Amino acid sequence: MRTVTRTRIKICGMTRPEDVESACRLDVDAVGFVCYERSPRYVPAERLPALAAELPPFVTPVLLFVNAPSGAVERALEAVPHALLQFHGDESEADCGCFGRAYVRAVAIGDGTDLLDWERRYPSACALLADAPSAEFGGSGNRFDWNRLPALQRRSLPLIMAGGLSASNVRSAIRAAAPYGVDVSSGVEQERGIKSEALMREFVAAVRAADADSAALDEDHQ
């Protein structure tokens, strides 16, 4: 039986206040801001306050970093003091935890990747984010093999699924892996960094449909 009946939704790569506002109207749980200069969705620290100002209570801002200097992380946290951190580079557990903030550790799920080993290496993480391998750090927008993920019963940390998700496949992803949450960026865009409210709405609806599927299965097994 699943222990999570409501899959959390994060929409990442926000660059415009109106997109943040649209996502919040759809009752997402978190929105992500990319603080990695080589990303086409990069948001400099000085723009973060205007974007975070659109967030209502109980919607979590997430700041994404790739091998960033500690000063850059601290400046972003000054701009968005209540943010969750997310790390996609070569950061060690000590690097991720040195800011005294809750953090998510991204894991590229490729050949030979053992998610349970990453759980042992990053026990202080509040969750692991499973993504597809990429030539560059950060998300690739590609899907990985969901069968590489260990079963829910074997996992000790919450799992967030990313990598090529969209309204057309997220229901299957949730059915396959029973994640705590899902993370989407390019799958709800009309162009890089520009979100489509219609695609976001379809994505949220697909996630809620998957949750309804799981609830129905639970009832059948009671």
N, C-alpha and C. Protein backbone atom coordinates (compact mmCIF):
# COMPACT_ATOMS: atom_id res chain seq x y z
N MET A 1 0.84 -1.20 0.00
CA MET A 1 0.00 0.00 0.00
C MET A 1 0.88 1.25 0.00
N ARG A 2 0.52 2.23 -0.78
CA ARG A 2 1.29 3.48 -0.82
C ARG A 2 1.12 4.24 0.48
N THR A 3 2.19 4.84 0.97
CA THR A 3 2.11 5.67 2.16
C THR A 3 1.84 7.13 1.81
N VAL A 4 1.95 7.48 0.54
CA VAL A 4 1.68 8.84 0.08
C VAL A 4 0.45 8.81 -0.82
N THR A 5 -0.58 9.55 -0.46
CA THR A 5 -1.80 9.56 -1.27
C THR A 5 -1.93 10.83 -2.08
N ARG A 6 -1.09 11.81 -1.82
CA ARG A 6 -1.11 13.04 -2.60
C ARG A 6 0.31 13.31 -3.09
N THR A 7 0.54 13.13 -4.36
CA THR A 7 1.86 13.36 -4.93
C THR A 7 2.13 14.85 -5.00
N ARG A 8 3.23 15.28 -4.43
CA ARG A 8 3.60 16.70 -4.45
C ARG A 8 4.09 17.09 -5.84
N ILE A 9 3.83 18.35 -6.19
CA ILE A 9 4.17 18.85 -7.53
C ILE A 9 5.08 20.06 -7.41
N LYS A 10 6.21 19.99 -8.11
CA LYS A 10 7.11 21.14 -8.22
C LYS A 10 7.24 21.50 -9.70
N ILE A 11 7.11 22.77 -9.99
CA ILE A 11 7.37 23.27 -11.34
C ILE A 11 8.65 24.10 -11.28
N CYS A 12 9.64 23.70 -12.03
CA CYS A 12 10.97 24.30 -11.93
C CYS A 12 11.26 25.18 -13.14
N GLY A 13 12.33 25.98 -13.02
CA GLY A 13 12.77 26.81 -14.12
C GLY A 13 11.91 28.05 -14.34
N MET A 14 11.34 28.57 -13.26
CA MET A 14 10.51 29.78 -13.37
C MET A 14 11.39 31.01 -13.63
N THR A 15 10.96 31.83 -14.58
CA THR A 15 11.70 33.05 -14.90
C THR A 15 10.82 34.29 -14.92
N ARG A 16 9.48 34.12 -14.85
CA ARG A 16 8.57 35.26 -14.96
C ARG A 16 7.56 35.26 -13.81
N PRO A 17 7.29 36.43 -13.21
CA PRO A 17 6.30 36.47 -12.13
C PRO A 17 4.94 35.91 -12.53
N GLU A 18 4.52 36.16 -13.77
CA GLU A 18 3.21 35.69 -14.17
C GLU A 18 3.13 34.17 -14.23
N ASP A 19 4.27 33.52 -14.52
CA ASP A 19 4.27 32.05 -14.52
C ASP A 19 4.19 31.50 -13.10
N VAL A 20 4.88 32.16 -12.18
CA VAL A 20 4.79 31.77 -10.77
C VAL A 20 3.35 31.91 -10.29
N GLU A 21 2.73 33.03 -10.62
CA GLU A 21 1.36 33.27 -10.20
C GLU A 21 0.42 32.21 -10.79
N SER A 22 0.60 31.87 -12.06
CA SER A 22 -0.24 30.86 -12.69
C SER A 22 -0.09 29.51 -12.02
N ALA A 23 1.15 29.12 -11.72
CA ALA A 23 1.39 27.84 -11.07
C ALA A 23 0.73 27.78 -9.70
N CYS A 24 0.80 28.87 -8.97
CA CYS A 24 0.22 28.90 -7.63
C CYS A 24 -1.30 28.81 -7.69
N ARG A 25 -1.90 29.35 -8.72
CA ARG A 25 -3.35 29.22 -8.87
C ARG A 25 -3.76 27.76 -9.08
N LEU A 26 -2.82 26.95 -9.56
CA LEU A 26 -3.09 25.54 -9.80
C LEU A 26 -2.78 24.67 -8.59
N ASP A 27 -2.44 25.31 -7.47
CA ASP A 27 -2.18 24.60 -6.21
C ASP A 27 -0.98 23.66 -6.28
N VAL A 28 0.09 24.10 -6.93
CA VAL A 28 1.31 23.30 -6.87
C VAL A 28 1.92 23.46 -5.48
N ASP A 29 2.86 22.58 -5.16
CA ASP A 29 3.45 22.59 -3.83
C ASP A 29 4.75 23.38 -3.75
N ALA A 30 5.45 23.49 -4.89
CA ALA A 30 6.74 24.17 -4.90
C ALA A 30 7.03 24.71 -6.29
N VAL A 31 7.82 25.76 -6.34
CA VAL A 31 8.32 26.29 -7.61
C VAL A 31 9.82 26.45 -7.49
N GLY A 32 10.52 26.20 -8.60
CA GLY A 32 11.97 26.21 -8.58
C GLY A 32 12.56 27.34 -9.40
N PHE A 33 13.63 27.91 -8.86
CA PHE A 33 14.39 28.97 -9.53
C PHE A 33 15.82 28.47 -9.74
N VAL A 34 16.28 28.54 -10.98
CA VAL A 34 17.60 28.01 -11.33
C VAL A 34 18.66 29.09 -11.12
N CYS A 35 19.57 28.83 -10.18
CA CYS A 35 20.64 29.78 -9.87
C CYS A 35 21.97 29.29 -10.45
N TYR A 36 21.90 28.78 -11.65
CA TYR A 36 23.06 28.22 -12.37
C TYR A 36 23.23 29.02 -13.65
N GLU A 37 24.33 29.76 -13.76
CA GLU A 37 24.49 30.74 -14.82
C GLU A 37 24.49 30.13 -16.22
N ARG A 38 24.83 28.87 -16.36
CA ARG A 38 24.91 28.26 -17.69
C ARG A 38 23.56 27.72 -18.16
N SER A 39 22.56 27.86 -17.32
CA SER A 39 21.23 27.39 -17.72
C SER A 39 20.47 28.47 -18.47
N PRO A 40 19.68 28.09 -19.49
CA PRO A 40 18.84 29.08 -20.18
C PRO A 40 17.73 29.62 -19.28
N ARG A 41 17.52 28.98 -18.14
CA ARG A 41 16.48 29.42 -17.19
C ARG A 41 17.10 30.10 -15.97
N TYR A 42 18.33 30.52 -16.10
CA TYR A 42 19.05 31.15 -14.99
C TYR A 42 18.35 32.42 -14.51
N VAL A 43 18.25 32.54 -13.19
CA VAL A 43 17.69 33.74 -12.56
C VAL A 43 18.75 34.30 -11.61
N PRO A 44 19.27 35.51 -11.85
CA PRO A 44 20.24 36.09 -10.93
C PRO A 44 19.61 36.45 -9.60
N ALA A 45 20.43 36.54 -8.56
CA ALA A 45 19.92 36.75 -7.20
C ALA A 45 19.08 38.00 -7.08
N GLU A 46 19.43 39.04 -7.83
CA GLU A 46 18.69 40.30 -7.69
C GLU A 46 17.26 40.21 -8.22
N ARG A 47 16.97 39.21 -9.05
CA ARG A 47 15.61 39.04 -9.57
C ARG A 47 14.76 38.11 -8.71
N LEU A 48 15.38 37.38 -7.81
CA LEU A 48 14.66 36.40 -7.02
C LEU A 48 13.56 37.00 -6.14
N PRO A 49 13.79 38.14 -5.47
CA PRO A 49 12.73 38.65 -4.60
C PRO A 49 11.43 38.95 -5.35
N ALA A 50 11.51 39.48 -6.56
CA ALA A 50 10.30 39.80 -7.32
C ALA A 50 9.55 38.52 -7.70
N LEU A 51 10.28 37.46 -8.00
CA LEU A 51 9.64 36.20 -8.34
C LEU A 51 9.02 35.54 -7.11
N ALA A 52 9.77 35.53 -6.01
CA ALA A 52 9.28 34.90 -4.79
C ALA A 52 8.12 35.67 -4.18
N ALA A 53 7.98 36.95 -4.51
CA ALA A 53 6.88 37.75 -3.97
C ALA A 53 5.52 37.25 -4.43
N GLU A 54 5.49 36.48 -5.52
CA GLU A 54 4.23 35.95 -6.03
C GLU A 54 3.77 34.70 -5.28
N LEU A 55 4.60 34.19 -4.37
CA LEU A 55 4.28 32.93 -3.70
C LEU A 55 3.36 33.14 -2.51
N PRO A 56 2.26 32.40 -2.44
CA PRO A 56 1.41 32.45 -1.25
C PRO A 56 2.00 31.56 -0.16
N PRO A 57 1.45 31.61 1.06
CA PRO A 57 1.89 30.69 2.10
C PRO A 57 1.70 29.24 1.67
N PHE A 58 2.61 28.38 2.11
CA PHE A 58 2.55 26.94 1.87
C PHE A 58 2.95 26.52 0.46
N VAL A 59 3.43 27.45 -0.37
CA VAL A 59 4.08 27.07 -1.62
C VAL A 59 5.57 27.34 -1.43
N THR A 60 6.36 26.29 -1.56
CA THR A 60 7.77 26.35 -1.21
C THR A 60 8.63 26.81 -2.38
N PRO A 61 9.47 27.84 -2.19
CA PRO A 61 10.45 28.19 -3.22
C PRO A 61 11.67 27.28 -3.11
N VAL A 62 12.20 26.85 -4.24
CA VAL A 62 13.36 25.97 -4.28
C VAL A 62 14.44 26.64 -5.13
N LEU A 63 15.64 26.72 -4.60
CA LEU A 63 16.77 27.33 -5.31
C LEU A 63 17.72 26.24 -5.77
N LEU A 64 17.94 26.17 -7.08
CA LEU A 64 18.75 25.11 -7.67
C LEU A 64 20.16 25.61 -7.96
N PHE A 65 21.16 24.82 -7.52
CA PHE A 65 22.57 25.20 -7.69
C PHE A 65 23.37 24.06 -8.30
N VAL A 66 24.46 24.44 -8.98
CA VAL A 66 25.40 23.48 -9.53
C VAL A 66 26.81 23.95 -9.19
N ASN A 67 27.43 23.30 -8.22
CA ASN A 67 28.80 23.62 -7.82
C ASN A 67 28.99 25.12 -7.57
N ALA A 68 28.04 25.73 -6.94
CA ALA A 68 28.09 27.18 -6.71
C ALA A 68 29.00 27.52 -5.53
N PRO A 69 29.71 28.65 -5.59
CA PRO A 69 30.44 29.12 -4.42
C PRO A 69 29.46 29.37 -3.27
N SER A 70 29.94 29.19 -2.05
CA SER A 70 29.06 29.35 -0.90
C SER A 70 28.46 30.76 -0.85
N GLY A 71 29.23 31.74 -1.30
CA GLY A 71 28.72 33.11 -1.29
C GLY A 71 27.51 33.28 -2.20
N ALA A 72 27.50 32.58 -3.33
CA ALA A 72 26.36 32.69 -4.24
C ALA A 72 25.10 32.07 -3.62
N VAL A 73 25.29 30.95 -2.92
CA VAL A 73 24.15 30.33 -2.24
C VAL A 73 23.63 31.25 -1.14
N GLU A 74 24.53 31.85 -0.40
CA GLU A 74 24.13 32.73 0.70
C GLU A 74 23.41 33.97 0.18
N ARG A 75 23.86 34.51 -0.96
CA ARG A 75 23.17 35.68 -1.53
C ARG A 75 21.75 35.32 -1.97
N ALA A 76 21.60 34.13 -2.56
CA ALA A 76 20.27 33.70 -2.97
C ALA A 76 19.37 33.49 -1.76
N LEU A 77 19.92 32.95 -0.69
CA LEU A 77 19.13 32.75 0.52
C LEU A 77 18.76 34.07 1.18
N GLU A 78 19.60 35.06 1.05
CA GLU A 78 19.24 36.39 1.55
C GLU A 78 18.05 36.94 0.78
N ALA A 79 18.00 36.64 -0.51
CA ALA A 79 16.90 37.12 -1.35
C ALA A 79 15.61 36.35 -1.09
N VAL A 80 15.74 35.04 -0.80
CA VAL A 80 14.57 34.17 -0.55
C VAL A 80 14.87 33.38 0.73
N PRO A 81 14.68 33.99 1.89
CA PRO A 81 15.15 33.37 3.15
C PRO A 81 14.49 32.05 3.49
N HIS A 82 13.28 31.81 3.02
CA HIS A 82 12.56 30.59 3.39
C HIS A 82 12.67 29.49 2.33
N ALA A 83 13.67 29.59 1.46
CA ALA A 83 13.78 28.64 0.35
C ALA A 83 14.38 27.31 0.78
N LEU A 84 14.00 26.27 0.05
CA LEU A 84 14.64 24.96 0.10
C LEU A 84 15.76 24.96 -0.93
N LEU A 85 16.85 24.26 -0.65
CA LEU A 85 17.99 24.20 -1.57
C LEU A 85 17.96 22.89 -2.35
N GLN A 86 18.47 22.94 -3.58
CA GLN A 86 18.55 21.75 -4.43
C GLN A 86 19.90 21.77 -5.14
N PHE A 87 20.64 20.66 -5.05
CA PHE A 87 22.00 20.60 -5.57
C PHE A 87 22.12 19.54 -6.67
N HIS A 88 22.72 19.96 -7.82
CA HIS A 88 22.84 19.10 -8.99
C HIS A 88 24.28 18.84 -9.41
N GLY A 89 25.25 19.35 -8.68
CA GLY A 89 26.63 19.21 -9.12
C GLY A 89 27.38 18.11 -8.40
N ASP A 90 28.64 18.40 -8.07
CA ASP A 90 29.50 17.43 -7.39
C ASP A 90 29.51 17.64 -5.89
N GLU A 91 28.55 18.36 -5.36
CA GLU A 91 28.55 18.70 -3.95
C GLU A 91 28.49 17.46 -3.05
N SER A 92 29.34 17.45 -2.04
CA SER A 92 29.31 16.39 -1.04
C SER A 92 28.17 16.64 -0.06
N GLU A 93 27.95 15.68 0.82
CA GLU A 93 26.93 15.91 1.85
C GLU A 93 27.29 17.12 2.71
N ALA A 94 28.57 17.26 3.04
CA ALA A 94 28.99 18.41 3.84
C ALA A 94 28.72 19.72 3.10
N ASP A 95 28.99 19.75 1.80
CA ASP A 95 28.72 20.94 1.00
C ASP A 95 27.24 21.30 1.02
N CYS A 96 26.40 20.29 0.86
CA CYS A 96 24.96 20.53 0.81
C CYS A 96 24.40 20.98 2.16
N GLY A 97 24.97 20.44 3.22
CA GLY A 97 24.41 20.70 4.54
C GLY A 97 25.01 21.87 5.29
N CYS A 98 26.04 22.51 4.72
CA CYS A 98 26.75 23.54 5.48
C CYS A 98 25.97 24.83 5.66
N PHE A 99 24.85 24.99 4.96
CA PHE A 99 24.06 26.21 5.07
C PHE A 99 22.99 26.11 6.15
N GLY A 100 22.89 24.93 6.76
CA GLY A 100 21.91 24.75 7.82
C GLY A 100 20.48 24.79 7.34
N ARG A 101 20.28 24.47 6.07
CA ARG A 101 18.95 24.50 5.46
C ARG A 101 18.58 23.14 4.91
N ALA A 102 17.30 22.86 4.85
CA ALA A 102 16.84 21.62 4.22
C ALA A 102 17.26 21.63 2.75
N TYR A 103 17.66 20.46 2.26
CA TYR A 103 18.10 20.41 0.86
C TYR A 103 17.66 19.11 0.19
N VAL A 104 17.55 19.18 -1.13
CA VAL A 104 17.27 18.04 -2.00
C VAL A 104 18.54 17.75 -2.80
N ARG A 105 18.91 16.48 -2.89
CA ARG A 105 20.09 16.10 -3.67
C ARG A 105 19.64 15.41 -4.96
N ALA A 106 20.06 15.95 -6.10
CA ALA A 106 19.72 15.36 -7.39
C ALA A 106 20.66 14.20 -7.70
N VAL A 107 20.10 13.16 -8.33
CA VAL A 107 20.86 11.97 -8.70
C VAL A 107 20.56 11.64 -10.16
N ALA A 108 21.60 11.55 -10.99
CA ALA A 108 21.42 11.14 -12.38
C ALA A 108 21.32 9.62 -12.43
N ILE A 109 20.19 9.12 -12.89
CA ILE A 109 19.94 7.68 -12.89
C ILE A 109 20.41 7.08 -14.22
N GLY A 110 21.63 6.59 -14.23
CA GLY A 110 22.20 5.98 -15.42
C GLY A 110 22.56 4.53 -15.15
N ASP A 111 23.33 3.94 -16.07
CA ASP A 111 23.77 2.56 -15.89
C ASP A 111 24.58 2.44 -14.60
N GLY A 112 24.19 1.51 -13.75
CA GLY A 112 24.95 1.26 -12.53
C GLY A 112 24.65 2.20 -11.38
N THR A 113 23.76 3.18 -11.55
CA THR A 113 23.43 4.08 -10.45
C THR A 113 22.59 3.35 -9.42
N ASP A 114 23.01 3.43 -8.17
CA ASP A 114 22.29 2.79 -7.07
C ASP A 114 21.72 3.89 -6.18
N LEU A 115 20.42 4.12 -6.31
CA LEU A 115 19.79 5.18 -5.53
C LEU A 115 19.93 4.94 -4.03
N LEU A 116 19.92 3.69 -3.60
CA LEU A 116 20.05 3.39 -2.18
C LEU A 116 21.44 3.76 -1.67
N ASP A 117 22.45 3.65 -2.54
CA ASP A 117 23.79 4.09 -2.15
C ASP A 117 23.81 5.60 -1.94
N TRP A 118 23.09 6.34 -2.79
CA TRP A 118 23.00 7.79 -2.61
C TRP A 118 22.27 8.12 -1.32
N GLU A 119 21.29 7.35 -0.94
CA GLU A 119 20.63 7.56 0.35
C GLU A 119 21.63 7.43 1.49
N ARG A 120 22.52 6.44 1.40
CA ARG A 120 23.52 6.25 2.44
C ARG A 120 24.54 7.38 2.45
N ARG A 121 24.86 7.92 1.28
CA ARG A 121 25.86 8.99 1.19
C ARG A 121 25.31 10.34 1.61
N TYR A 122 23.99 10.55 1.48
CA TYR A 122 23.37 11.83 1.80
C TYR A 122 22.20 11.63 2.78
N PRO A 123 22.48 11.08 3.97
CA PRO A 123 21.39 10.81 4.91
C PRO A 123 20.73 12.07 5.44
N SER A 124 21.41 13.22 5.34
CA SER A 124 20.83 14.47 5.84
C SER A 124 19.91 15.14 4.82
N ALA A 125 19.85 14.62 3.58
CA ALA A 125 18.96 15.21 2.57
C ALA A 125 17.51 15.01 2.99
N CYS A 126 16.67 15.99 2.66
CA CYS A 126 15.25 15.81 2.95
C CYS A 126 14.57 14.99 1.85
N ALA A 127 15.23 14.86 0.70
CA ALA A 127 14.72 14.03 -0.40
C ALA A 127 15.82 13.87 -1.43
N LEU A 128 15.69 12.83 -2.25
CA LEU A 128 16.53 12.69 -3.44
C LEU A 128 15.67 12.95 -4.66
N LEU A 129 16.26 13.59 -5.66
CA LEU A 129 15.57 13.88 -6.91
C LEU A 129 16.21 13.04 -8.01
N ALA A 130 15.45 12.11 -8.57
CA ALA A 130 15.96 11.23 -9.63
C ALA A 130 15.74 11.88 -10.98
N ASP A 131 16.84 12.06 -11.73
CA ASP A 131 16.78 12.73 -13.02
C ASP A 131 17.55 11.90 -14.04
N ALA A 132 17.40 12.26 -15.30
CA ALA A 132 18.13 11.58 -16.36
C ALA A 132 19.55 12.11 -16.44
N PRO A 133 20.51 11.28 -16.84
CA PRO A 133 21.87 11.77 -17.05
C PRO A 133 21.89 12.84 -18.13
N SER A 134 22.85 13.75 -18.00
CA SER A 134 22.96 14.85 -18.95
C SER A 134 24.42 15.18 -19.18
N ALA A 135 24.74 15.65 -20.39
CA ALA A 135 26.11 16.08 -20.68
C ALA A 135 26.47 17.30 -19.85
N GLU A 136 25.46 18.08 -19.48
CA GLU A 136 25.65 19.24 -18.61
C GLU A 136 25.00 18.95 -17.27
N PHE A 137 25.45 19.67 -16.24
CA PHE A 137 24.79 19.54 -14.96
C PHE A 137 23.38 20.13 -15.05
N GLY A 138 22.52 19.66 -14.15
CA GLY A 138 21.14 20.14 -14.16
C GLY A 138 20.28 19.21 -14.99
N GLY A 139 19.01 19.53 -15.11
CA GLY A 139 18.07 18.67 -15.82
C GLY A 139 18.34 18.64 -17.31
N SER A 140 18.04 17.48 -17.92
CA SER A 140 18.26 17.32 -19.36
C SER A 140 16.96 17.41 -20.15
N GLY A 141 15.82 17.27 -19.47
CA GLY A 141 14.55 17.20 -20.18
C GLY A 141 14.29 15.84 -20.80
N ASN A 142 15.19 14.88 -20.53
CA ASN A 142 15.03 13.52 -21.06
C ASN A 142 14.51 12.60 -19.96
N ARG A 143 13.89 11.53 -20.40
CA ARG A 143 13.38 10.54 -19.47
C ARG A 143 14.44 9.48 -19.20
N PHE A 144 14.49 8.94 -17.99
CA PHE A 144 15.35 7.81 -17.69
C PHE A 144 14.48 6.55 -17.52
N ASP A 145 15.13 5.41 -17.34
CA ASP A 145 14.42 4.14 -17.18
C ASP A 145 13.89 4.05 -15.76
N TRP A 146 12.59 4.19 -15.60
CA TRP A 146 11.98 4.17 -14.26
C TRP A 146 12.18 2.83 -13.56
N ASN A 147 12.45 1.78 -14.31
CA ASN A 147 12.67 0.47 -13.69
C ASN A 147 13.96 0.42 -12.89
N ARG A 148 14.82 1.42 -13.07
CA ARG A 148 16.07 1.46 -12.30
C ARG A 148 15.85 1.93 -10.87
N LEU A 149 14.68 2.44 -10.56
CA LEU A 149 14.40 2.94 -9.21
C LEU A 149 14.03 1.79 -8.28
N PRO A 150 14.57 1.79 -7.07
CA PRO A 150 14.19 0.74 -6.12
C PRO A 150 12.73 0.89 -5.70
N ALA A 151 12.13 -0.20 -5.29
CA ALA A 151 10.73 -0.19 -4.86
C ALA A 151 10.54 0.71 -3.65
N LEU A 152 9.35 1.23 -3.52
CA LEU A 152 9.02 2.13 -2.42
C LEU A 152 9.42 1.54 -1.07
N GLN A 153 9.18 0.25 -0.87
CA GLN A 153 9.44 -0.39 0.41
C GLN A 153 10.93 -0.40 0.77
N ARG A 154 11.80 -0.27 -0.22
CA ARG A 154 13.25 -0.30 0.03
C ARG A 154 13.84 1.08 0.26
N ARG A 155 13.09 2.13 -0.06
CA ARG A 155 13.63 3.48 0.04
C ARG A 155 13.44 4.05 1.44
N SER A 156 14.43 4.81 1.90
CA SER A 156 14.34 5.43 3.22
C SER A 156 14.15 6.93 3.14
N LEU A 157 14.44 7.55 2.00
CA LEU A 157 14.25 8.98 1.82
C LEU A 157 13.13 9.23 0.82
N PRO A 158 12.40 10.33 0.97
CA PRO A 158 11.40 10.67 -0.05
C PRO A 158 12.05 10.80 -1.42
N LEU A 159 11.35 10.35 -2.45
CA LEU A 159 11.85 10.39 -3.82
C LEU A 159 11.03 11.37 -4.64
N ILE A 160 11.74 12.25 -5.34
CA ILE A 160 11.11 13.17 -6.29
C ILE A 160 11.55 12.72 -7.68
N MET A 161 10.59 12.53 -8.58
CA MET A 161 10.91 12.12 -9.96
C MET A 161 10.96 13.32 -10.87
N ALA A 162 11.99 13.38 -11.72
CA ALA A 162 12.13 14.42 -12.73
C ALA A 162 12.59 13.73 -14.02
N GLY A 163 12.89 14.53 -15.02
CA GLY A 163 13.44 13.98 -16.26
C GLY A 163 12.41 13.66 -17.30
N GLY A 164 12.12 14.61 -18.17
CA GLY A 164 11.25 14.36 -19.30
C GLY A 164 9.79 14.13 -18.96
N LEU A 165 9.36 14.58 -17.80
CA LEU A 165 7.95 14.39 -17.43
C LEU A 165 7.07 15.40 -18.14
N SER A 166 5.85 14.98 -18.42
CA SER A 166 4.84 15.84 -19.03
C SER A 166 3.48 15.27 -18.66
N ALA A 167 2.44 15.96 -19.08
CA ALA A 167 1.09 15.47 -18.80
C ALA A 167 0.84 14.10 -19.43
N SER A 168 1.55 13.79 -20.51
CA SER A 168 1.30 12.54 -21.23
C SER A 168 1.92 11.33 -20.56
N ASN A 169 2.93 11.54 -19.69
CA ASN A 169 3.59 10.36 -19.10
C ASN A 169 3.67 10.37 -17.57
N VAL A 170 3.29 11.46 -16.92
CA VAL A 170 3.49 11.52 -15.48
C VAL A 170 2.60 10.54 -14.73
N ARG A 171 1.44 10.26 -15.28
CA ARG A 171 0.55 9.28 -14.63
C ARG A 171 1.22 7.91 -14.60
N SER A 172 1.87 7.53 -15.70
CA SER A 172 2.60 6.26 -15.75
C SER A 172 3.81 6.27 -14.82
N ALA A 173 4.48 7.42 -14.74
CA ALA A 173 5.65 7.53 -13.86
C ALA A 173 5.25 7.31 -12.40
N ILE A 174 4.16 7.91 -12.00
CA ILE A 174 3.70 7.77 -10.62
C ILE A 174 3.27 6.34 -10.35
N ARG A 175 2.62 5.73 -11.31
CA ARG A 175 2.20 4.33 -11.15
C ARG A 175 3.44 3.42 -11.03
N ALA A 176 4.50 3.74 -11.78
CA ALA A 176 5.68 2.89 -11.79
C ALA A 176 6.52 3.01 -10.53
N ALA A 177 6.63 4.22 -9.96
CA ALA A 177 7.60 4.45 -8.90
C ALA A 177 7.03 4.93 -7.58
N ALA A 178 5.76 5.31 -7.54
CA ALA A 178 5.14 5.81 -6.30
C ALA A 178 6.01 6.86 -5.62
N PRO A 179 6.36 7.95 -6.31
CA PRO A 179 7.24 8.95 -5.71
C PRO A 179 6.50 9.83 -4.71
N TYR A 180 7.29 10.47 -3.86
CA TYR A 180 6.73 11.49 -2.96
C TYR A 180 6.27 12.69 -3.77
N GLY A 181 7.07 13.04 -4.81
CA GLY A 181 6.73 14.20 -5.62
C GLY A 181 7.26 14.06 -7.03
N VAL A 182 6.80 14.96 -7.90
CA VAL A 182 7.27 15.02 -9.28
C VAL A 182 7.71 16.45 -9.58
N ASP A 183 8.68 16.56 -10.49
CA ASP A 183 9.30 17.84 -10.80
C ASP A 183 9.30 18.01 -12.32
N VAL A 184 8.74 19.10 -12.81
CA VAL A 184 8.64 19.31 -14.25
C VAL A 184 9.16 20.69 -14.61
N SER A 185 9.77 20.81 -15.77
CA SER A 185 10.22 22.12 -16.26
C SER A 185 9.89 22.24 -17.75
N SER A 186 10.69 21.61 -18.61
CA SER A 186 10.48 21.75 -20.05
C SER A 186 9.15 21.17 -20.49
N GLY A 187 8.63 20.21 -19.74
CA GLY A 187 7.37 19.57 -20.13
C GLY A 187 6.15 20.46 -20.01
N VAL A 188 6.31 21.66 -19.43
CA VAL A 188 5.19 22.60 -19.33
C VAL A 188 5.56 23.96 -19.93
N GLU A 189 6.49 23.94 -20.88
CA GLU A 189 6.95 25.20 -21.48
C GLU A 189 6.47 25.37 -22.91
N GLN A 190 6.22 26.62 -23.27
CA GLN A 190 5.95 26.96 -24.67
C GLN A 190 7.24 27.33 -25.39
N GLU A 191 8.23 27.77 -24.61
CA GLU A 191 9.61 27.94 -25.08
C GLU A 191 10.48 27.96 -23.84
N ARG A 192 11.78 27.84 -24.02
CA ARG A 192 12.67 27.70 -22.87
C ARG A 192 12.48 28.84 -21.87
N GLY A 193 12.16 28.45 -20.63
CA GLY A 193 12.00 29.44 -19.57
C GLY A 193 10.66 30.10 -19.53
N ILE A 194 9.81 29.85 -20.52
CA ILE A 194 8.48 30.47 -20.59
C ILE A 194 7.44 29.36 -20.42
N LYS A 195 6.73 29.39 -19.31
CA LYS A 195 5.76 28.34 -19.02
C LYS A 195 4.44 28.61 -19.72
N SER A 196 3.72 27.52 -19.98
CA SER A 196 2.37 27.58 -20.54
C SER A 196 1.39 27.23 -19.43
N GLU A 197 0.48 28.15 -19.13
CA GLU A 197 -0.50 27.86 -18.09
C GLU A 197 -1.35 26.65 -18.46
N ALA A 198 -1.68 26.50 -19.73
CA ALA A 198 -2.48 25.36 -20.16
C ALA A 198 -1.73 24.05 -19.92
N LEU A 199 -0.44 24.00 -20.25
CA LEU A 199 0.34 22.78 -20.04
C LEU A 199 0.53 22.50 -18.55
N MET A 200 0.71 23.55 -17.76
CA MET A 200 0.81 23.34 -16.31
C MET A 200 -0.50 22.76 -15.77
N ARG A 201 -1.61 23.28 -16.23
CA ARG A 201 -2.91 22.79 -15.77
C ARG A 201 -3.09 21.31 -16.15
N GLU A 202 -2.70 20.95 -17.36
CA GLU A 202 -2.82 19.56 -17.80
C GLU A 202 -1.92 18.65 -16.97
N PHE A 203 -0.73 19.13 -16.64
CA PHE A 203 0.20 18.34 -15.84
C PHE A 203 -0.38 18.09 -14.45
N VAL A 204 -0.87 19.14 -13.81
CA VAL A 204 -1.44 18.99 -12.48
C VAL A 204 -2.63 18.03 -12.51
N ALA A 205 -3.47 18.15 -13.53
CA ALA A 205 -4.62 17.26 -13.64
C ALA A 205 -4.19 15.80 -13.80
N ALA A 206 -3.12 15.57 -14.55
CA ALA A 206 -2.63 14.20 -14.74
C ALA A 206 -2.09 13.63 -13.43
N VAL A 207 -1.41 14.45 -12.65
CA VAL A 207 -0.90 13.98 -11.35
C VAL A 207 -2.07 13.63 -10.43
N ARG A 208 -3.08 14.47 -10.40
CA ARG A 208 -4.23 14.20 -9.53
C ARG A 208 -4.99 12.95 -10.00
N ALA A 209 -5.01 12.72 -11.30
CA ALA A 209 -5.63 11.50 -11.82
C ALA A 209 -4.85 10.27 -11.35
N ALA A 210 -3.52 10.38 -11.33
CA ALA A 210 -2.70 9.27 -10.84
C ALA A 210 -2.96 9.01 -9.36
N ASP A 211 -3.13 10.08 -8.59
CA ASP A 211 -3.44 9.91 -7.17
C ASP A 211 -4.79 9.23 -6.99
N ALA A 212 -5.76 9.58 -7.83
CA ALA A 212 -7.07 8.93 -7.76
C ALA A 212 -6.95 7.45 -8.10
N ASP A 213 -6.10 7.12 -9.08
CA ASP A 213 -5.85 5.71 -9.41
C ASP A 213 -5.32 4.95 -8.19
N SER A 214 -4.36 5.57 -7.50
CA SER A 214 -3.74 4.91 -6.35
C SER A 214 -4.73 4.74 -5.21
N ALA A 215 -5.56 5.76 -4.99
CA ALA A 215 -6.58 5.67 -3.95
C ALA A 215 -7.55 4.55 -4.23
N ALA A 216 -7.93 4.40 -5.50
CA ALA A 216 -8.85 3.33 -5.88
C ALA A 216 -8.23 1.95 -5.65
N LEU A 217 -6.94 1.82 -5.97
CA LEU A 217 -6.25 0.55 -5.75
C LEU A 217 -6.19 0.22 -4.27
N ASP A 218 -5.91 1.25 -3.44
CA ASP A 218 -5.86 1.02 -2.00
C ASP A 218 -7.20 0.51 -1.48
N GLU A 219 -8.29 1.11 -1.97
CA GLU A 219 -9.61 0.68 -1.53
C GLU A 219 -9.90 -0.76 -1.96
N ASP A 220 -9.43 -1.12 -3.15
CA ASP A 220 -9.66 -2.48 -3.64
C ASP A 220 -8.93 -3.52 -2.79
N HIS A 221 -7.80 -3.09 -2.17
CA HIS A 221 -6.99 -4.04 -1.40
C HIS A 221 -7.34 -4.03 0.08
N GLN A 222 -8.29 -3.24 0.48
CA GLN A 222 -8.67 -3.20 1.89
C GLN A 222 -9.69 -4.29 2.20
